[in-house]
Amino acid sequence: MIRRGFAVLVCAVLLAPAPGRAGGQLGDGPWLFVGEWVLTIEGRRGPQERPLTIKDTAGKLSAELGGGRGGPIAITDVTVKGSEAILKWNQETQQGAIDVVMTLTLKDGALTVKQDMAGGQFSQTGTGKKKG
């Protein structure tokens, strides 16, 4: 009887969601986006590769986008709805700050990228793949 009770307890602990991650463990839901990605975004000068790192910081997703002018951009406004991650930040330009919304759609381990700037006045699209 004690062995059976112990086995049930072990199974319950192993199958329980990780603390701070409602609904699952690393690799489930929003955490599928965690890792290092290479985005290829179509720009005015042709396709540009930009590294994107998405990480779990105390149970909340954050990101760092590199490859642009002015160095890497720290992104703290990251939300996930189903298979989409939405990253929002302000980017400094010669004309002042503009808002940027990047939508990453995950399908079969790859990303579709849509980037809207200045309230949708300018848009870019692209793809992304996980490094490694």
C-alpha atoms as a PDB file:
ATOM      1  CA  MET A   1       0.000   0.000   0.000  1.00  0.00           C
ATOM      2  CA  ILE A   2       2.834   2.393   0.847  1.00  0.00           C
ATOM      3  CA  ARG A   3       4.585   1.650  -2.482  1.00  0.00           C
ATOM      4  CA  ARG A   4       1.409   2.377  -4.426  1.00  0.00           C
ATOM      5  CA  GLY A   5       0.891   5.665  -2.563  1.00  0.00           C
ATOM      6  CA  PHE A   6       4.498   6.637  -3.204  1.00  0.00           C
ATOM      7  CA  ALA A   7       4.154   5.815  -6.916  1.00  0.00           C
ATOM      8  CA  VAL A   8       1.018   7.991  -7.168  1.00  0.00           C
ATOM      9  CA  LEU A   9       2.827  10.865  -5.423  1.00  0.00           C
ATOM     10  CA  VAL A  10       5.839  10.588  -7.764  1.00  0.00           C
ATOM     11  CA  CYS A  11       3.580  10.614 -10.831  1.00  0.00           C
ATOM     12  CA  ALA A  12       1.672  13.646  -9.539  1.00  0.00           C
ATOM     13  CA  VAL A  13       4.904  15.598  -8.995  1.00  0.00           C
ATOM     14  CA  LEU A  14       6.328  14.678 -12.404  1.00  0.00           C
ATOM     15  CA  LEU A  15       3.136  15.573 -14.279  1.00  0.00           C
ATOM     16  CA  ALA A  16       2.396  18.841 -12.449  1.00  0.00           C
ATOM     17  CA  PRO A  17       2.941  22.163 -14.306  1.00  0.00           C
ATOM     18  CA  ALA A  18       6.195  23.954 -13.554  1.00  0.00           C
ATOM     19  CA  PRO A  19       5.905  26.757 -10.967  1.00  0.00           C
ATOM     20  CA  GLY A  20       5.249  30.174 -12.496  1.00  0.00           C
ATOM     21  CA  ARG A  21       4.197  28.676 -15.811  1.00  0.00           C
ATOM     22  CA  ALA A  22       0.472  28.310 -15.777  1.00  0.00           C
ATOM     23  CA  GLY A  23      -0.614  25.616 -18.142  1.00  0.00           C
ATOM     24  CA  GLY A  24       2.603  23.800 -18.858  1.00  0.00           C
ATOM     25  CA  GLN A  25       6.278  23.258 -18.879  1.00  0.00           C
ATOM     26  CA  LEU A  26       9.097  24.514 -21.050  1.00  0.00           C
ATOM     27  CA  GLY A  27       8.222  23.478 -24.595  1.00  0.00           C
ATOM     28  CA  ASP A  28       4.482  24.007 -24.149  1.00  0.00           C
ATOM     29  CA  GLY A  29       2.422  27.002 -25.315  1.00  0.00           C
ATOM     30  CA  PRO A  30       4.234  30.338 -24.992  1.00  0.00           C
ATOM     31  CA  TRP A  31       7.490  28.633 -24.118  1.00  0.00           C
ATOM     32  CA  LEU A  32       7.708  27.172 -27.637  1.00  0.00           C
ATOM     33  CA  PHE A  33       8.960  30.642 -28.613  1.00  0.00           C
ATOM     34  CA  VAL A  34      11.831  30.587 -26.085  1.00  0.00           C
ATOM     35  CA  GLY A  35      15.272  30.338 -27.682  1.00  0.00           C
ATOM     36  CA  GLU A  36      17.499  31.906 -30.292  1.00  0.00           C
ATOM     37  CA  TRP A  37      15.974  32.646 -33.697  1.00  0.00           C
ATOM     38  CA  VAL A  38      17.225  34.096 -36.967  1.00  0.00           C
ATOM     39  CA  LEU A  39      14.644  36.312 -38.662  1.00  0.00           C
ATOM     40  CA  THR A  40      14.892  37.165 -42.356  1.00  0.00           C
ATOM     41  CA  ILE A  41      12.906  40.344 -42.951  1.00  0.00           C
ATOM     42  CA  GLU A  42      12.297  41.901 -46.353  1.00  0.00           C
ATOM     43  CA  GLY A  43      13.453  45.519 -46.260  1.00  0.00           C
ATOM     44  CA  ARG A  44      14.044  48.377 -48.669  1.00  0.00           C
ATOM     45  CA  ARG A  45      17.552  47.052 -49.311  1.00  0.00           C
ATOM     46  CA  GLY A  46      16.461  43.435 -49.706  1.00  0.00           C
ATOM     47  CA  PRO A  47      16.299  40.672 -47.101  1.00  0.00           C
ATOM     48  CA  GLN A  48      18.030  41.326 -43.783  1.00  0.00           C
ATOM     49  CA  GLU A  49      18.882  38.737 -41.157  1.00  0.00           C
ATOM     50  CA  ARG A  50      18.228  39.750 -37.566  1.00  0.00           C
ATOM     51  CA  PRO A  51      18.965  37.634 -34.511  1.00  0.00           C
ATOM     52  CA  LEU A  52      16.122  37.385 -31.986  1.00  0.00           C
ATOM     53  CA  THR A  53      16.467  35.874 -28.538  1.00  0.00           C
ATOM     54  CA  ILE A  54      13.309  35.150 -26.563  1.00  0.00           C
ATOM     55  CA  LYS A  55      13.783  34.165 -22.946  1.00  0.00           C
ATOM     56  CA  ASP A  56      11.834  33.398 -19.804  1.00  0.00           C
ATOM     57  CA  THR A  57      12.591  36.010 -17.150  1.00  0.00           C
ATOM     58  CA  ALA A  58      10.955  35.014 -13.853  1.00  0.00           C
ATOM     59  CA  GLY A  59       7.968  33.427 -15.605  1.00  0.00           C
ATOM     60  CA  LYS A  60       7.506  36.277 -18.119  1.00  0.00           C
ATOM     61  CA  LEU A  61       8.746  36.328 -21.710  1.00  0.00           C
ATOM     62  CA  SER A  62      11.147  39.037 -22.883  1.00  0.00           C
ATOM     63  CA  ALA A  63      13.206  39.406 -26.042  1.00  0.00           C
ATOM     64  CA  GLU A  64      16.277  41.012 -27.563  1.00  0.00           C
ATOM     65  CA  LEU A  65      16.336  41.878 -31.263  1.00  0.00           C
ATOM     66  CA  GLY A  66      19.715  42.504 -32.848  1.00  0.00           C
ATOM     67  CA  GLY A  67      21.024  43.401 -36.270  1.00  0.00           C
ATOM     68  CA  GLY A  68      19.586  46.888 -36.572  1.00  0.00           C
ATOM     69  CA  ARG A  69      21.113  50.315 -36.327  1.00  0.00           C
ATOM     70  CA  GLY A  70      21.863  51.474 -32.804  1.00  0.00           C
ATOM     71  CA  GLY A  71      22.529  48.046 -31.323  1.00  0.00           C
ATOM     72  CA  PRO A  72      20.250  45.403 -29.851  1.00  0.00           C
ATOM     73  CA  ILE A  73      16.735  46.310 -28.747  1.00  0.00           C
ATOM     74  CA  ALA A  74      15.456  45.012 -25.397  1.00  0.00           C
ATOM     75  CA  ILE A  75      11.766  44.100 -25.651  1.00  0.00           C
ATOM     76  CA  THR A  76       9.779  43.622 -22.456  1.00  0.00           C
ATOM     77  CA  ASP A  77       6.258  43.778 -23.923  1.00  0.00           C
ATOM     78  CA  VAL A  78       5.823  40.209 -25.187  1.00  0.00           C
ATOM     79  CA  THR A  79       2.437  38.490 -25.214  1.00  0.00           C
ATOM     80  CA  VAL A  80       1.474  35.116 -26.612  1.00  0.00           C
ATOM     81  CA  LYS A  81      -1.966  34.173 -27.872  1.00  0.00           C
ATOM     82  CA  GLY A  82      -2.152  30.648 -29.226  1.00  0.00           C
ATOM     83  CA  SER A  83       0.469  30.244 -31.942  1.00  0.00           C
ATOM     84  CA  GLU A  84       1.263  33.995 -32.106  1.00  0.00           C
ATOM     85  CA  ALA A  85       3.794  36.001 -30.130  1.00  0.00           C
ATOM     86  CA  ILE A  86       3.339  39.776 -30.230  1.00  0.00           C
ATOM     87  CA  LEU A  87       6.367  41.944 -29.444  1.00  0.00           C
ATOM     88  CA  LYS A  88       5.946  45.706 -28.963  1.00  0.00           C
ATOM     89  CA  TRP A  89       8.527  48.447 -28.537  1.00  0.00           C
ATOM     90  CA  ASN A  90       9.404  52.021 -29.512  1.00  0.00           C
ATOM     91  CA  GLN A  91      12.221  52.576 -31.965  1.00  0.00           C
ATOM     92  CA  GLU A  92      14.175  55.804 -32.268  1.00  0.00           C
ATOM     93  CA  THR A  93      14.493  57.232 -35.783  1.00  0.00           C
ATOM     94  CA  GLN A  94      15.777  60.509 -37.210  1.00  0.00           C
ATOM     95  CA  GLN A  95      12.173  61.744 -37.103  1.00  0.00           C
ATOM     96  CA  GLY A  96      11.648  60.647 -33.485  1.00  0.00           C
ATOM     97  CA  ALA A  97      10.290  57.539 -31.775  1.00  0.00           C
ATOM     98  CA  ILE A  98       7.864  55.260 -33.594  1.00  0.00           C
ATOM     99  CA  ASP A  99       5.924  52.294 -32.277  1.00  0.00           C
ATOM    100  CA  VAL A 100       6.731  48.850 -33.652  1.00  0.00           C
ATOM    101  CA  VAL A 101       4.566  45.750 -33.380  1.00  0.00           C
ATOM    102  CA  MET A 102       6.096  42.470 -34.511  1.00  0.00           C
ATOM    103  CA  THR A 103       3.829  39.439 -34.816  1.00  0.00           C
ATOM    104  CA  LEU A 104       5.495  36.041 -34.922  1.00  0.00           C
ATOM    105  CA  THR A 105       3.315  33.125 -36.009  1.00  0.00           C
ATOM    106  CA  LEU A 106       4.685  29.688 -35.180  1.00  0.00           C
ATOM    107  CA  LYS A 107       3.868  26.799 -37.495  1.00  0.00           C
ATOM    108  CA  ASP A 108       5.766  23.520 -37.828  1.00  0.00           C
ATOM    109  CA  GLY A 109       8.767  24.899 -35.913  1.00  0.00           C
ATOM    110  CA  ALA A 110       9.214  27.958 -38.191  1.00  0.00           C
ATOM    111  CA  LEU A 111       8.043  31.555 -37.874  1.00  0.00           C
ATOM    112  CA  THR A 112       6.135  33.882 -40.144  1.00  0.00           C
ATOM    113  CA  VAL A 113       7.038  37.481 -39.298  1.00  0.00           C
ATOM    114  CA  LYS A 114       4.944  40.625 -39.757  1.00  0.00           C
ATOM    115  CA  GLN A 115       6.307  43.937 -38.521  1.00  0.00           C
ATOM    116  CA  ASP A 116       4.091  47.036 -38.431  1.00  0.00           C
ATOM    117  CA  MET A 117       5.620  50.438 -37.723  1.00  0.00           C
ATOM    118  CA  ALA A 118       4.107  53.838 -36.921  1.00  0.00           C
ATOM    119  CA  GLY A 119       0.616  52.499 -36.349  1.00  0.00           C
ATOM    120  CA  GLY A 120       0.690  50.348 -39.493  1.00  0.00           C
ATOM    121  CA  GLN A 121       1.892  53.074 -41.879  1.00  0.00           C
ATOM    122  CA  PHE A 122       4.816  50.819 -42.821  1.00  0.00           C
ATOM    123  CA  SER A 123       4.908  47.021 -42.815  1.00  0.00           C
ATOM    124  CA  GLN A 124       7.527  44.377 -43.444  1.00  0.00           C
ATOM    125  CA  THR A 125       7.231  40.615 -43.645  1.00  0.00           C
ATOM    126  CA  GLY A 126       9.609  37.726 -43.338  1.00  0.00           C
ATOM    127  CA  THR A 127      10.348  34.336 -41.878  1.00  0.00           C
ATOM    128  CA  GLY A 128      12.248  32.943 -38.943  1.00  0.00           C
ATOM    129  CA  LYS A 129      13.970  29.748 -37.943  1.00  0.00           C
ATOM    130  CA  LYS A 130      15.436  28.549 -34.686  1.00  0.00           C
ATOM    131  CA  LYS A 131      19.222  28.572 -34.405  1.00  0.00           C
ATOM    132  CA  GLY A 132      20.992  25.288 -34.157  1.00  0.00           C
END
